[in-house]
Amino acid sequence: MYVLTFNWYRELYTKSRIYEEVEIMAREVLILGATGKIAGHAIDALLANGNDELLLFTRHPQNMNVVDENRETVIKGDVLNIGDLEPAIERADVVYANLRNPEITQQAKNIVSLMEKYAVKPLVWISSIGIYDEVPGKFGEWNNEMLGGGQEDSYLGTYRSAADVIENSTLDYTIIRPAWLTDKDEVDYETTAKGEAFKGTEVSRKSIGNFVAKIIDDPAPYARKNFGVNKPNTDGDKPAWY
């Protein structure tokens, strides 16, 4: 016959609490370009669900609207400056890059080199529709005309180069290629894989932000994948609002 003492129960309870705390332990999510509109929607979704701590990296901290001081830390810095970027990546568990810059290829190189240095694996990277000439028909022609398809120094050329840097890394990246963006208050999207023809012409920033948050919440199913993202049933020669 075994007699279970109070100390045994206390030890069992303590161990169960430790396991529970490990399971729900908050991660630090580094958001590069945190003042962007898509990033704003992603931040809202992350704060509403889960307990991750958000590191909001931006060149313009005065433009940040912090909602939860216990979970949001604003970091002033420039992704092109290794001295700014390194300490932020060193402490991160997940990185989400929401960047728009003529030097985006160099930004990608800086991010990849530091993430590999500190063994930070998950990266969500916002790219652009059309970088693989994957948009069919008249909309594809219009998209290339607007974004400079085929020219290395064009918008599409630099975003393609940056995406190549990401895909040639050892990171567990997820690349997102949004359709033309709207500010509609809706979450309504579908995805296509790299190598498939792009669908639709537009998608809301809120949809992309929510997709980003979904990936950050559980990166594994999306690791080393590349998605086009659009609102269903928006096919046409150009976005309806353009």
Protein backbone atom coordinates (compact mmCIF):
# COMPACT_ATOMS: atom_id res chain seq x y z
CA MET A 1 0.00 0.00 0.00
CA TYR A 2 1.36 3.43 -0.98
CA VAL A 3 0.73 6.50 1.14
CA LEU A 4 0.77 9.75 -0.87
CA THR A 5 1.96 12.62 1.25
CA PHE A 6 1.13 16.31 0.91
CA ASN A 7 4.70 16.91 -0.29
CA TRP A 8 4.15 14.48 -3.17
CA TYR A 9 1.02 16.35 -4.24
CA ARG A 10 2.84 19.65 -3.97
CA GLU A 11 5.72 18.36 -6.10
CA LEU A 12 3.32 17.04 -8.73
CA TYR A 13 1.42 20.36 -8.81
CA THR A 14 4.68 22.31 -9.11
CA LYS A 15 5.87 20.17 -12.01
CA SER A 16 2.54 20.50 -13.81
CA ARG A 17 2.68 24.28 -13.39
CA ILE A 18 6.21 24.36 -14.83
CA TYR A 19 5.12 22.33 -17.86
CA GLU A 20 2.12 24.62 -18.35
CA GLU A 21 4.27 27.74 -18.16
CA VAL A 22 6.78 26.33 -20.64
CA GLU A 23 3.95 25.47 -23.02
CA ILE A 24 2.46 28.97 -22.98
CA MET A 25 5.73 30.88 -22.65
CA ALA A 26 5.57 34.05 -24.72
CA ARG A 27 7.82 34.47 -27.74
CA GLU A 28 9.37 37.73 -28.86
CA VAL A 29 8.16 38.67 -32.33
CA LEU A 30 10.29 41.25 -34.12
CA ILE A 31 8.30 43.37 -36.59
CA LEU A 32 10.50 45.27 -39.04
CA GLY A 33 8.75 48.25 -40.58
CA ALA A 34 6.21 48.30 -37.78
CA THR A 35 4.54 51.57 -38.80
CA GLY A 36 3.30 50.11 -42.10
CA LYS A 37 -0.43 49.63 -42.62
CA ILE A 38 -0.20 45.85 -43.06
CA ALA A 39 1.97 45.64 -39.96
CA GLY A 40 -0.68 47.58 -38.05
CA HIS A 41 -3.31 44.96 -38.87
CA ALA A 42 -0.90 42.15 -37.98
CA ILE A 43 -0.15 43.82 -34.64
CA ASP A 44 -3.88 44.12 -33.87
CA ALA A 45 -4.42 40.43 -34.64
CA LEU A 46 -1.40 39.32 -32.59
CA LEU A 47 -2.49 41.37 -29.58
CA ALA A 48 -6.03 40.00 -29.80
CA ASN A 49 -4.91 36.38 -29.87
CA GLY A 50 -2.04 34.88 -27.90
CA ASN A 51 0.52 36.31 -25.54
CA ASP A 52 3.55 37.00 -27.73
CA GLU A 53 5.61 40.08 -26.95
CA LEU A 54 6.05 42.41 -29.92
CA LEU A 55 9.28 44.25 -30.73
CA LEU A 56 8.22 47.12 -32.99
CA PHE A 57 11.25 48.15 -35.07
CA THR A 58 10.87 51.40 -36.99
CA ARG A 59 12.76 54.46 -38.19
CA HIS A 60 9.83 56.60 -37.04
CA PRO A 61 8.88 55.64 -33.46
CA GLN A 62 6.85 58.82 -33.08
CA ASN A 63 4.33 57.29 -35.49
CA MET A 64 3.74 54.16 -33.41
CA ASN A 65 0.47 53.82 -31.54
CA VAL A 66 1.23 51.50 -28.64
CA VAL A 67 -1.89 49.76 -27.33
CA ASP A 68 -0.40 47.42 -24.71
CA GLU A 69 2.77 48.67 -23.02
CA ASN A 70 3.22 45.30 -21.33
CA ARG A 71 3.51 43.50 -24.67
CA GLU A 72 4.80 46.13 -27.10
CA THR A 73 8.33 47.52 -27.14
CA VAL A 74 9.21 50.21 -29.69
CA ILE A 75 12.75 50.07 -31.07
CA LYS A 76 14.12 52.92 -33.17
CA GLY A 77 16.37 51.65 -35.93
CA ASP A 78 17.15 51.22 -39.60
CA VAL A 79 17.31 47.75 -41.18
CA LEU A 80 20.19 48.96 -43.35
CA ASN A 81 22.19 49.67 -40.17
CA ILE A 82 23.62 46.41 -38.78
CA GLY A 83 24.32 48.10 -35.46
CA ASP A 84 20.62 48.90 -35.08
CA LEU A 85 19.36 45.57 -36.36
CA GLU A 86 21.65 43.07 -34.63
CA PRO A 87 20.49 43.48 -31.00
CA ALA A 88 16.86 43.31 -32.10
CA ILE A 89 17.31 40.07 -34.05
CA GLU A 90 19.48 38.58 -31.30
CA ARG A 91 16.55 38.68 -28.87
CA ALA A 92 13.83 37.64 -31.35
CA ASP A 93 12.16 34.24 -31.73
CA VAL A 94 10.27 35.16 -34.91
CA VAL A 95 10.88 37.94 -37.46
CA TYR A 96 8.27 39.59 -39.69
CA ALA A 97 9.58 42.03 -42.31
CA ASN A 98 7.18 44.61 -43.71
CA LEU A 99 9.59 46.75 -45.74
CA ARG A 100 9.50 49.06 -48.72
CA ASN A 101 12.81 50.48 -49.82
CA PRO A 102 14.85 50.80 -53.05
CA GLU A 103 17.60 48.94 -51.17
CA ILE A 104 15.36 46.06 -50.14
CA THR A 105 17.88 43.49 -51.42
CA GLN A 106 20.49 44.78 -48.98
CA GLN A 107 17.86 44.80 -46.26
CA ALA A 108 17.16 41.14 -47.01
CA LYS A 109 20.88 40.31 -46.86
CA ASN A 110 21.24 42.03 -43.48
CA ILE A 111 18.24 40.21 -42.05
CA VAL A 112 19.28 36.79 -43.35
CA SER A 113 22.88 37.10 -42.16
CA LEU A 114 21.86 38.07 -38.63
CA MET A 115 19.05 35.52 -38.35
CA GLU A 116 21.44 32.78 -39.44
CA LYS A 117 24.08 34.07 -37.02
CA TYR A 118 21.70 33.87 -34.06
CA ALA A 119 19.81 30.76 -35.25
CA VAL A 120 16.48 32.58 -35.48
CA LYS A 121 14.56 30.51 -38.02
CA PRO A 122 11.00 31.77 -38.74
CA LEU A 123 10.76 34.76 -41.11
CA VAL A 124 7.60 36.18 -42.66
CA TRP A 125 8.55 38.35 -45.64
CA ILE A 126 6.19 40.66 -47.54
CA SER A 127 7.11 40.79 -51.22
CA SER A 128 5.12 41.85 -54.30
CA ILE A 129 2.74 40.49 -56.89
CA GLY A 130 4.46 39.87 -60.22
CA ILE A 131 8.05 39.19 -59.18
CA TYR A 132 8.00 35.85 -61.04
CA ASP A 133 5.96 37.15 -64.00
CA GLU A 134 3.23 34.92 -62.59
CA VAL A 135 0.29 37.22 -63.33
CA PRO A 136 -1.59 36.11 -66.46
CA GLY A 137 -3.43 38.04 -69.14
CA LYS A 138 -4.06 41.74 -69.46
CA PHE A 139 -3.78 42.25 -65.72
CA GLY A 140 -0.27 40.81 -65.85
CA GLU A 141 0.65 43.19 -68.66
CA TRP A 142 -0.79 46.13 -66.73
CA ASN A 143 0.97 45.05 -63.52
CA ASN A 144 4.33 44.83 -65.31
CA GLU A 145 3.79 48.23 -66.89
CA MET A 146 2.98 49.80 -63.52
CA LEU A 147 5.76 48.09 -61.55
CA GLY A 148 8.54 47.81 -64.12
CA GLY A 149 8.62 44.09 -64.79
CA GLY A 150 11.79 42.71 -66.37
CA GLN A 151 14.14 45.48 -65.26
CA GLU A 152 16.60 44.60 -62.50
CA ASP A 153 16.50 48.06 -60.94
CA SER A 154 12.70 48.32 -61.10
CA TYR A 155 10.30 47.78 -58.22
CA LEU A 156 9.65 44.19 -59.31
CA GLY A 157 13.30 43.58 -60.09
CA THR A 158 14.52 44.60 -56.65
CA TYR A 159 11.75 42.68 -54.87
CA ARG A 160 12.60 39.57 -56.92
CA SER A 161 16.25 39.91 -55.98
CA ALA A 162 15.34 40.24 -52.29
CA ALA A 163 13.06 37.19 -52.48
CA ASP A 164 15.92 35.20 -54.02
CA VAL A 165 18.12 36.13 -51.05
CA ILE A 166 15.44 34.86 -48.67
CA GLU A 167 14.83 31.61 -50.58
CA ASN A 168 18.55 30.84 -50.82
CA SER A 169 18.92 31.10 -47.03
CA THR A 170 18.62 28.38 -44.38
CA LEU A 171 15.67 30.16 -42.76
CA ASP A 172 12.14 28.82 -42.33
CA TYR A 173 10.81 31.68 -44.42
CA THR A 174 7.29 32.38 -45.65
CA ILE A 175 7.11 34.80 -48.58
CA ILE A 176 3.83 36.62 -49.22
CA ARG A 177 3.06 38.25 -52.60
CA PRO A 178 -0.09 40.35 -52.10
CA ALA A 179 -2.33 41.52 -54.92
CA TRP A 180 -2.95 45.25 -55.23
CA LEU A 181 -3.84 46.49 -51.78
CA THR A 182 -7.03 48.11 -50.49
CA ASP A 183 -8.00 49.55 -47.11
CA LYS A 184 -11.30 47.66 -46.97
CA ASP A 185 -12.32 46.51 -43.50
CA GLU A 186 -12.51 42.83 -44.38
CA VAL A 187 -10.64 39.56 -44.06
CA ASP A 188 -11.28 37.68 -47.29
CA TYR A 189 -8.44 36.00 -49.13
CA GLU A 190 -7.21 32.93 -50.93
CA THR A 191 -3.68 31.82 -51.79
CA THR A 192 -1.73 30.41 -54.71
CA ALA A 193 1.61 28.64 -54.52
CA LYS A 194 4.80 29.70 -56.23
CA GLY A 195 4.68 28.37 -59.78
CA GLU A 196 0.90 28.74 -60.04
CA ALA A 197 -0.80 31.52 -61.98
CA PHE A 198 -1.79 34.42 -59.75
CA LYS A 199 -5.52 34.87 -59.14
CA GLY A 200 -7.53 38.05 -58.70
CA THR A 201 -6.39 41.66 -58.76
CA GLU A 202 -6.76 42.99 -55.22
CA VAL A 203 -6.75 42.13 -51.51
CA SER A 204 -7.21 44.12 -48.32
CA ARG A 205 -4.31 45.06 -46.08
CA LYS A 206 -6.34 43.68 -43.19
CA SER A 207 -6.46 40.29 -44.93
CA ILE A 208 -2.68 40.24 -45.35
CA GLY A 209 -2.13 41.33 -41.75
CA ASN A 210 -4.36 38.54 -40.49
CA PHE A 211 -2.58 35.99 -42.69
CA VAL A 212 0.75 37.20 -41.28
CA ALA A 213 -0.54 36.77 -37.72
CA LYS A 214 -1.78 33.27 -38.56
CA ILE A 215 1.67 32.29 -39.82
CA ILE A 216 3.42 33.80 -36.79
CA ASP A 217 1.08 31.89 -34.48
CA ASP A 218 2.08 28.56 -36.08
CA PRO A 219 5.00 28.95 -38.53
CA ALA A 220 5.71 25.27 -39.21
CA PRO A 221 2.98 24.56 -41.83
CA TYR A 222 4.12 27.59 -43.84
CA ALA A 223 7.88 27.07 -43.58
CA ARG A 224 9.87 27.54 -46.81
CA LYS A 225 6.74 28.36 -48.79
CA ASN A 226 5.86 31.23 -51.09
CA PHE A 227 2.27 32.44 -51.50
CA GLY A 228 0.37 34.75 -53.79
CA VAL A 229 -2.58 36.23 -51.87
CA ASN A 230 -5.73 37.74 -53.38
CA LYS A 231 -9.39 38.36 -52.65
CA PRO A 232 -11.55 35.73 -54.39
CA ASN A 233 -13.61 36.73 -57.42
CA THR A 234 -11.66 39.88 -58.22
CA ASP A 235 -10.38 38.84 -61.65
CA GLY A 236 -10.10 41.61 -64.22
CA ASP A 237 -7.77 43.65 -66.39
CA LYS A 238 -6.82 45.79 -63.39
CA PRO A 239 -8.11 46.42 -59.84
CA ALA A 240 -11.74 47.58 -59.94
CA TRP A 241 -10.93 50.75 -58.04
CA TYR A 242 -8.00 51.82 -60.24
